[in-house]
């Protein structure tokens, strides 16, 4: 028995009823969301989005790393991303502070490879209530 039998069995069921929606690779709503890898977060549902609407980048603590910046640049240049939200969350093991969130938002805003006027905001998702509050706009 493999450590992955459960997810492969679930995928076999999924693929039986899978229907290609013909979605383009571009972000339909021009949005990229940088959020935490925490499994309590469902980025599409929490923002009223559907598959194809946004590019989702997940890192521990929703930190804007060099890799995230590179992905955002590619998402902008090739995949229609025109705005970015950085969303940390409550009860996070990484315990991102508001100062770190501000620095991460600023890091996106000042990237020489992204447009100067690209809208970038930062906020927090409450894992107990489901509410998103923007604190850096």
N, C-alpha and C. Protein backbone atom coordinates (compact mmCIF):
# COMPACT_ATOMS: atom_id res chain seq x y z
N UNK A 1 0.85 -1.18 0.00
CA UNK A 1 0.00 0.00 0.00
C UNK A 1 0.89 1.25 0.00
N UNK A 2 0.56 2.17 -0.86
CA UNK A 2 1.33 3.41 -1.00
C UNK A 2 0.78 4.50 -0.08
N UNK A 3 1.65 5.40 0.30
CA UNK A 3 1.23 6.54 1.12
C UNK A 3 0.31 7.47 0.35
N UNK A 4 0.16 7.26 -0.95
CA UNK A 4 -0.64 8.15 -1.79
C UNK A 4 -1.87 7.47 -2.38
N UNK A 5 -2.16 6.25 -1.97
CA UNK A 5 -3.31 5.52 -2.52
C UNK A 5 -4.62 6.27 -2.34
N UNK A 6 -4.80 6.92 -1.20
CA UNK A 6 -6.06 7.62 -0.94
C UNK A 6 -6.29 8.75 -1.94
N UNK A 7 -5.25 9.54 -2.19
CA UNK A 7 -5.44 10.67 -3.11
C UNK A 7 -5.49 10.22 -4.56
N UNK A 8 -4.78 9.14 -4.89
CA UNK A 8 -4.87 8.62 -6.25
C UNK A 8 -6.24 8.01 -6.52
N UNK A 9 -6.82 7.35 -5.53
CA UNK A 9 -8.18 6.81 -5.68
C UNK A 9 -9.19 7.95 -5.84
N UNK A 10 -9.01 9.00 -5.05
CA UNK A 10 -9.91 10.15 -5.18
C UNK A 10 -9.76 10.80 -6.55
N UNK A 11 -8.53 10.86 -7.06
CA UNK A 11 -8.32 11.43 -8.39
C UNK A 11 -8.95 10.57 -9.47
N UNK A 12 -8.89 9.26 -9.31
CA UNK A 12 -9.53 8.37 -10.29
C UNK A 12 -11.02 8.65 -10.37
N UNK A 13 -11.66 8.84 -9.20
CA UNK A 13 -13.08 9.20 -9.18
C UNK A 13 -13.32 10.55 -9.84
N UNK A 14 -12.48 11.51 -9.49
CA UNK A 14 -12.58 12.87 -10.03
C UNK A 14 -12.45 12.86 -11.55
N UNK A 15 -11.46 12.15 -12.05
CA UNK A 15 -11.20 12.18 -13.49
C UNK A 15 -12.32 11.50 -14.28
N UNK A 16 -13.06 10.60 -13.65
CA UNK A 16 -14.18 9.94 -14.34
C UNK A 16 -15.28 10.92 -14.72
N UNK A 17 -15.48 11.94 -13.88
CA UNK A 17 -16.54 12.92 -14.17
C UNK A 17 -15.98 14.28 -14.59
N UNK A 18 -14.65 14.34 -14.80
CA UNK A 18 -14.02 15.60 -15.16
C UNK A 18 -14.47 16.06 -16.53
N UNK A 19 -14.71 17.35 -16.62
CA UNK A 19 -15.08 17.95 -17.90
C UNK A 19 -14.21 19.19 -18.09
N UNK A 20 -13.45 19.20 -19.17
CA UNK A 20 -12.59 20.35 -19.47
C UNK A 20 -13.48 21.56 -19.73
N UNK A 21 -13.32 22.59 -18.92
CA UNK A 21 -14.14 23.79 -19.06
C UNK A 21 -13.61 24.72 -20.15
N UNK A 22 -12.47 24.39 -20.71
CA UNK A 22 -11.90 25.22 -21.76
C UNK A 22 -11.42 26.57 -21.26
N UNK A 23 -11.05 26.63 -20.00
CA UNK A 23 -10.60 27.90 -19.42
C UNK A 23 -9.26 28.30 -20.01
N UNK A 24 -9.08 29.58 -20.32
CA UNK A 24 -7.77 30.04 -20.78
C UNK A 24 -6.78 30.07 -19.61
N UNK A 25 -5.51 30.15 -19.91
CA UNK A 25 -4.48 30.20 -18.87
C UNK A 25 -4.47 31.54 -18.15
N UNK A 26 -4.98 32.59 -18.79
CA UNK A 26 -4.97 33.93 -18.20
C UNK A 26 -5.91 34.00 -17.00
N UNK A 27 -5.57 34.89 -16.07
CA UNK A 27 -6.42 35.15 -14.90
C UNK A 27 -7.63 35.95 -15.35
N UNK A 28 -8.79 35.34 -15.36
CA UNK A 28 -10.00 35.96 -15.88
C UNK A 28 -10.38 37.27 -15.24
N UNK A 29 -10.04 37.45 -13.98
CA UNK A 29 -10.35 38.70 -13.28
C UNK A 29 -9.10 39.53 -13.03
N UNK A 30 -7.99 39.15 -13.68
CA UNK A 30 -6.75 39.93 -13.59
C UNK A 30 -6.14 39.98 -12.21
N UNK A 31 -6.43 38.99 -11.38
CA UNK A 31 -6.03 39.01 -9.97
C UNK A 31 -5.03 37.92 -9.66
N UNK A 32 -4.04 38.26 -8.84
CA UNK A 32 -3.17 37.26 -8.21
C UNK A 32 -3.34 37.40 -6.70
N UNK A 33 -3.43 36.26 -6.03
CA UNK A 33 -3.56 36.24 -4.58
C UNK A 33 -2.36 35.47 -4.02
N UNK A 34 -1.62 36.15 -3.15
CA UNK A 34 -0.53 35.51 -2.42
C UNK A 34 -1.08 35.22 -1.03
N UNK A 35 -1.13 33.95 -0.67
CA UNK A 35 -1.66 33.60 0.63
C UNK A 35 -0.87 32.43 1.22
N UNK A 36 -1.22 32.07 2.41
CA UNK A 36 -0.50 31.03 3.14
C UNK A 36 -0.87 29.64 2.62
N UNK A 37 0.00 28.70 2.89
CA UNK A 37 -0.24 27.32 2.49
C UNK A 37 -1.19 26.60 3.46
N UNK A 38 -1.64 27.27 4.50
CA UNK A 38 -2.53 26.68 5.50
C UNK A 38 -3.75 26.04 4.82
N UNK A 39 -4.02 24.79 5.15
CA UNK A 39 -5.11 24.06 4.49
C UNK A 39 -6.50 24.55 4.88
N UNK A 40 -6.60 25.44 5.85
CA UNK A 40 -7.92 26.01 6.21
C UNK A 40 -8.33 27.11 5.25
N UNK A 41 -7.44 27.51 4.37
CA UNK A 41 -7.71 28.63 3.46
C UNK A 41 -8.15 28.08 2.11
N UNK A 42 -9.30 28.55 1.64
CA UNK A 42 -9.81 28.22 0.31
C UNK A 42 -9.88 29.55 -0.46
N UNK A 43 -8.79 29.95 -1.10
CA UNK A 43 -8.70 31.30 -1.67
C UNK A 43 -9.81 31.65 -2.65
N UNK A 44 -10.21 30.72 -3.49
CA UNK A 44 -11.26 31.05 -4.46
C UNK A 44 -12.58 31.33 -3.76
N UNK A 45 -13.00 30.42 -2.92
CA UNK A 45 -14.30 30.59 -2.24
C UNK A 45 -14.32 31.80 -1.33
N UNK A 46 -13.22 32.07 -0.62
CA UNK A 46 -13.24 33.18 0.35
C UNK A 46 -13.34 34.53 -0.34
N UNK A 47 -12.99 34.60 -1.62
CA UNK A 47 -13.05 35.86 -2.35
C UNK A 47 -14.13 35.87 -3.44
N UNK A 48 -14.99 34.87 -3.41
CA UNK A 48 -16.07 34.81 -4.38
C UNK A 48 -15.59 34.59 -5.81
N UNK A 49 -14.51 33.85 -5.94
CA UNK A 49 -13.91 33.59 -7.25
C UNK A 49 -14.23 32.18 -7.72
N UNK A 50 -14.01 31.97 -9.01
CA UNK A 50 -14.22 30.65 -9.60
C UNK A 50 -12.93 30.22 -10.29
N UNK A 51 -12.79 28.93 -10.59
CA UNK A 51 -11.60 28.50 -11.32
C UNK A 51 -11.40 29.34 -12.58
N UNK A 52 -10.16 29.76 -12.77
CA UNK A 52 -9.84 30.58 -13.93
C UNK A 52 -9.83 32.07 -13.65
N UNK A 53 -10.39 32.49 -12.50
CA UNK A 53 -10.47 33.92 -12.18
C UNK A 53 -9.15 34.53 -11.74
N UNK A 54 -8.32 33.76 -11.02
CA UNK A 54 -7.13 34.33 -10.38
C UNK A 54 -5.99 33.34 -10.37
N UNK A 55 -4.80 33.88 -10.22
CA UNK A 55 -3.61 33.08 -9.98
C UNK A 55 -3.39 33.04 -8.48
N UNK A 56 -3.21 31.86 -7.93
CA UNK A 56 -3.05 31.69 -6.49
C UNK A 56 -1.62 31.23 -6.22
N UNK A 57 -0.90 31.99 -5.40
CA UNK A 57 0.46 31.64 -5.00
C UNK A 57 0.47 31.43 -3.50
N UNK A 58 0.90 30.26 -3.07
CA UNK A 58 0.86 29.93 -1.65
C UNK A 58 2.26 29.68 -1.11
N UNK A 59 2.55 30.34 0.00
CA UNK A 59 3.81 30.14 0.70
C UNK A 59 3.54 30.11 2.20
N UNK A 60 4.48 29.60 2.96
CA UNK A 60 4.35 29.63 4.41
C UNK A 60 4.27 31.08 4.87
N UNK A 61 3.20 31.43 5.55
CA UNK A 61 3.03 32.78 6.06
C UNK A 61 2.67 33.82 5.02
N UNK A 62 2.37 33.39 3.79
CA UNK A 62 2.03 34.31 2.70
C UNK A 62 3.15 35.31 2.42
N UNK A 63 4.38 34.88 2.66
CA UNK A 63 5.52 35.76 2.47
C UNK A 63 5.84 35.94 0.98
N UNK A 64 6.21 37.16 0.61
CA UNK A 64 6.58 37.48 -0.76
C UNK A 64 8.08 37.21 -0.90
N UNK A 65 8.40 36.02 -1.33
CA UNK A 65 9.78 35.60 -1.53
C UNK A 65 10.24 35.96 -2.94
N UNK A 66 11.51 35.74 -3.21
CA UNK A 66 12.00 35.96 -4.57
C UNK A 66 11.23 35.11 -5.57
N UNK A 67 10.92 33.89 -5.20
CA UNK A 67 10.17 33.00 -6.09
C UNK A 67 8.76 33.54 -6.35
N UNK A 68 8.11 34.05 -5.31
CA UNK A 68 6.78 34.64 -5.48
C UNK A 68 6.86 35.85 -6.41
N UNK A 69 7.86 36.70 -6.22
CA UNK A 69 8.00 37.86 -7.10
C UNK A 69 8.19 37.42 -8.55
N UNK A 70 9.04 36.43 -8.76
CA UNK A 70 9.24 35.92 -10.12
C UNK A 70 7.93 35.42 -10.71
N UNK A 71 7.16 34.70 -9.91
CA UNK A 71 5.87 34.19 -10.38
C UNK A 71 4.89 35.32 -10.68
N UNK A 72 4.90 36.36 -9.86
CA UNK A 72 4.02 37.51 -10.12
C UNK A 72 4.40 38.22 -11.41
N UNK A 73 5.68 38.35 -11.65
CA UNK A 73 6.14 39.00 -12.89
C UNK A 73 5.67 38.18 -14.09
N UNK A 74 5.85 36.89 -14.05
CA UNK A 74 5.39 36.03 -15.15
C UNK A 74 3.88 36.08 -15.29
N UNK A 75 3.18 36.07 -14.15
CA UNK A 75 1.72 36.14 -14.19
C UNK A 75 1.25 37.45 -14.82
N UNK A 76 1.97 38.53 -14.56
CA UNK A 76 1.63 39.81 -15.17
C UNK A 76 1.96 39.81 -16.66
N UNK A 77 3.16 39.41 -16.99
CA UNK A 77 3.61 39.49 -18.38
C UNK A 77 2.92 38.50 -19.31
N UNK A 78 2.55 37.34 -18.79
CA UNK A 78 2.03 36.28 -19.65
C UNK A 78 0.59 35.85 -19.37
N UNK A 79 0.08 36.15 -18.17
CA UNK A 79 -1.18 35.54 -17.76
C UNK A 79 -2.25 36.53 -17.31
N UNK A 80 -2.09 37.80 -17.68
CA UNK A 80 -3.15 38.77 -17.48
C UNK A 80 -3.33 39.31 -16.08
N UNK A 81 -2.38 39.12 -15.19
CA UNK A 81 -2.52 39.65 -13.83
C UNK A 81 -2.25 41.15 -13.83
N UNK A 82 -3.21 41.90 -13.31
CA UNK A 82 -3.13 43.36 -13.25
C UNK A 82 -3.26 43.92 -11.84
N UNK A 83 -3.49 43.04 -10.85
CA UNK A 83 -3.62 43.47 -9.45
C UNK A 83 -3.25 42.30 -8.54
N UNK A 84 -2.78 42.64 -7.33
CA UNK A 84 -2.27 41.62 -6.41
C UNK A 84 -2.81 41.87 -5.01
N UNK A 85 -3.25 40.78 -4.36
CA UNK A 85 -3.61 40.81 -2.94
C UNK A 85 -2.67 39.88 -2.20
N UNK A 86 -2.10 40.37 -1.11
CA UNK A 86 -1.30 39.54 -0.21
C UNK A 86 -2.14 39.33 1.04
N UNK A 87 -2.51 38.08 1.31
CA UNK A 87 -3.41 37.80 2.42
C UNK A 87 -2.80 36.83 3.41
N UNK A 88 -2.47 37.35 4.60
CA UNK A 88 -2.05 36.51 5.71
C UNK A 88 -3.33 36.00 6.40
N UNK A 89 -3.18 35.30 7.50
CA UNK A 89 -4.39 34.83 8.20
C UNK A 89 -4.16 34.76 9.70
N UNK A 90 -5.26 34.72 10.41
CA UNK A 90 -5.20 34.58 11.86
C UNK A 90 -4.76 33.17 12.22
N UNK A 91 -4.27 33.01 13.43
CA UNK A 91 -3.89 31.70 13.95
C UNK A 91 -2.86 31.02 13.04
N UNK A 92 -1.88 31.80 12.57
CA UNK A 92 -0.86 31.30 11.66
C UNK A 92 0.39 30.89 12.44
N UNK A 93 0.93 29.74 12.12
CA UNK A 93 2.15 29.29 12.77
C UNK A 93 3.33 30.20 12.44
N UNK A 94 3.27 30.88 11.30
CA UNK A 94 4.32 31.81 10.92
C UNK A 94 4.15 33.17 11.59
N UNK A 95 2.95 33.44 12.12
CA UNK A 95 2.66 34.67 12.86
C UNK A 95 3.20 35.92 12.17
N UNK A 96 2.77 36.13 10.94
CA UNK A 96 3.20 37.31 10.18
C UNK A 96 2.68 38.57 10.85
N UNK A 97 3.57 39.53 11.07
CA UNK A 97 3.17 40.79 11.70
C UNK A 97 2.67 41.77 10.63
N UNK A 98 1.97 42.80 11.10
CA UNK A 98 1.51 43.81 10.13
C UNK A 98 2.69 44.49 9.45
N UNK A 99 3.82 44.65 10.19
CA UNK A 99 5.01 45.26 9.59
C UNK A 99 5.56 44.38 8.47
N UNK A 100 5.57 43.07 8.68
CA UNK A 100 6.02 42.15 7.63
C UNK A 100 5.08 42.19 6.43
N UNK A 101 3.79 42.26 6.70
CA UNK A 101 2.82 42.36 5.61
C UNK A 101 3.05 43.63 4.81
N UNK A 102 3.26 44.74 5.49
CA UNK A 102 3.54 46.01 4.80
C UNK A 102 4.81 45.90 3.94
N UNK A 103 5.84 45.27 4.49
CA UNK A 103 7.08 45.09 3.72
C UNK A 103 6.85 44.22 2.49
N UNK A 104 6.06 43.17 2.64
CA UNK A 104 5.80 42.29 1.51
C UNK A 104 4.98 43.00 0.43
N UNK A 105 3.99 43.78 0.84
CA UNK A 105 3.21 44.56 -0.13
C UNK A 105 4.13 45.56 -0.83
N UNK A 106 4.97 46.22 -0.07
CA UNK A 106 5.90 47.19 -0.65
C UNK A 106 6.88 46.51 -1.60
N UNK A 107 7.26 45.30 -1.29
CA UNK A 107 8.18 44.56 -2.16
C UNK A 107 7.55 44.32 -3.54
N UNK A 108 6.26 44.02 -3.55
CA UNK A 108 5.56 43.86 -4.83
C UNK A 108 5.46 45.20 -5.53
N UNK A 109 5.06 46.22 -4.79
CA UNK A 109 4.87 47.55 -5.38
C UNK A 109 6.14 48.12 -6.00
N UNK A 110 7.28 47.81 -5.42
CA UNK A 110 8.53 48.41 -5.90
C UNK A 110 9.33 47.49 -6.82
N UNK A 111 8.77 46.36 -7.17
CA UNK A 111 9.48 45.48 -8.09
C UNK A 111 9.69 46.20 -9.42
N UNK A 112 10.92 46.26 -9.91
CA UNK A 112 11.18 46.95 -11.17
C UNK A 112 10.56 46.25 -12.37
N UNK A 113 10.12 45.01 -12.19
CA UNK A 113 9.56 44.23 -13.29
C UNK A 113 8.05 44.23 -13.31
N UNK A 114 7.43 45.00 -12.42
CA UNK A 114 5.97 45.13 -12.40
C UNK A 114 5.63 46.61 -12.60
N UNK A 115 4.44 46.90 -13.15
CA UNK A 115 4.07 48.30 -13.39
C UNK A 115 4.02 49.11 -12.10
N UNK A 116 4.47 50.36 -12.17
CA UNK A 116 4.46 51.24 -11.00
C UNK A 116 3.06 51.43 -10.42
N UNK A 117 2.07 51.47 -11.26
CA UNK A 117 0.70 51.75 -10.82
C UNK A 117 -0.14 50.51 -10.57
N UNK A 118 0.49 49.34 -10.55
CA UNK A 118 -0.28 48.10 -10.32
C UNK A 118 -0.89 48.15 -8.92
N UNK A 119 -2.21 47.96 -8.81
CA UNK A 119 -2.84 47.92 -7.49
C UNK A 119 -2.35 46.70 -6.69
N UNK A 120 -1.86 46.97 -5.48
CA UNK A 120 -1.40 45.92 -4.58
C UNK A 120 -1.96 46.24 -3.20
N UNK A 121 -2.59 45.26 -2.58
CA UNK A 121 -3.16 45.45 -1.25
C UNK A 121 -2.76 44.27 -0.37
N UNK A 122 -2.80 44.49 0.92
CA UNK A 122 -2.50 43.44 1.88
C UNK A 122 -3.57 43.37 2.94
N UNK A 123 -3.81 42.19 3.43
CA UNK A 123 -4.83 42.05 4.45
C UNK A 123 -4.73 40.73 5.16
N UNK A 124 -5.77 40.45 5.93
CA UNK A 124 -5.79 39.24 6.74
C UNK A 124 -7.12 38.52 6.59
N UNK A 125 -7.03 37.21 6.56
CA UNK A 125 -8.19 36.33 6.51
C UNK A 125 -8.38 35.74 7.91
N UNK A 126 -9.58 35.86 8.45
CA UNK A 126 -9.87 35.31 9.76
C UNK A 126 -10.36 33.87 9.59
N UNK A 127 -9.57 32.89 10.06
CA UNK A 127 -9.93 31.49 9.87
C UNK A 127 -11.14 31.07 10.70
N UNK A 128 -11.55 31.88 11.65
CA UNK A 128 -12.72 31.55 12.49
C UNK A 128 -14.02 32.14 11.93
N UNK A 129 -13.93 33.30 11.24
CA UNK A 129 -15.15 33.94 10.73
C UNK A 129 -15.24 33.93 9.21
N UNK A 130 -14.13 33.73 8.53
CA UNK A 130 -14.12 33.78 7.07
C UNK A 130 -13.99 35.16 6.50
N UNK A 131 -13.86 36.17 7.33
CA UNK A 131 -13.81 37.55 6.87
C UNK A 131 -12.40 37.94 6.44
N UNK A 132 -12.33 38.71 5.36
CA UNK A 132 -11.08 39.30 4.88
C UNK A 132 -11.11 40.79 5.19
N UNK A 133 -10.04 41.29 5.81
CA UNK A 133 -9.92 42.70 6.12
C UNK A 133 -8.64 43.23 5.48
N UNK A 134 -8.77 44.24 4.63
CA UNK A 134 -7.58 44.85 4.04
C UNK A 134 -7.01 45.85 5.03
N UNK A 135 -5.71 45.74 5.29
CA UNK A 135 -5.05 46.65 6.23
C UNK A 135 -3.97 47.47 5.55
N UNK A 136 -3.55 47.06 4.36
CA UNK A 136 -2.54 47.80 3.60
C UNK A 136 -3.13 48.03 2.21
N UNK A 137 -3.46 49.29 1.93
CA UNK A 137 -4.06 49.60 0.63
C UNK A 137 -3.25 50.65 -0.10
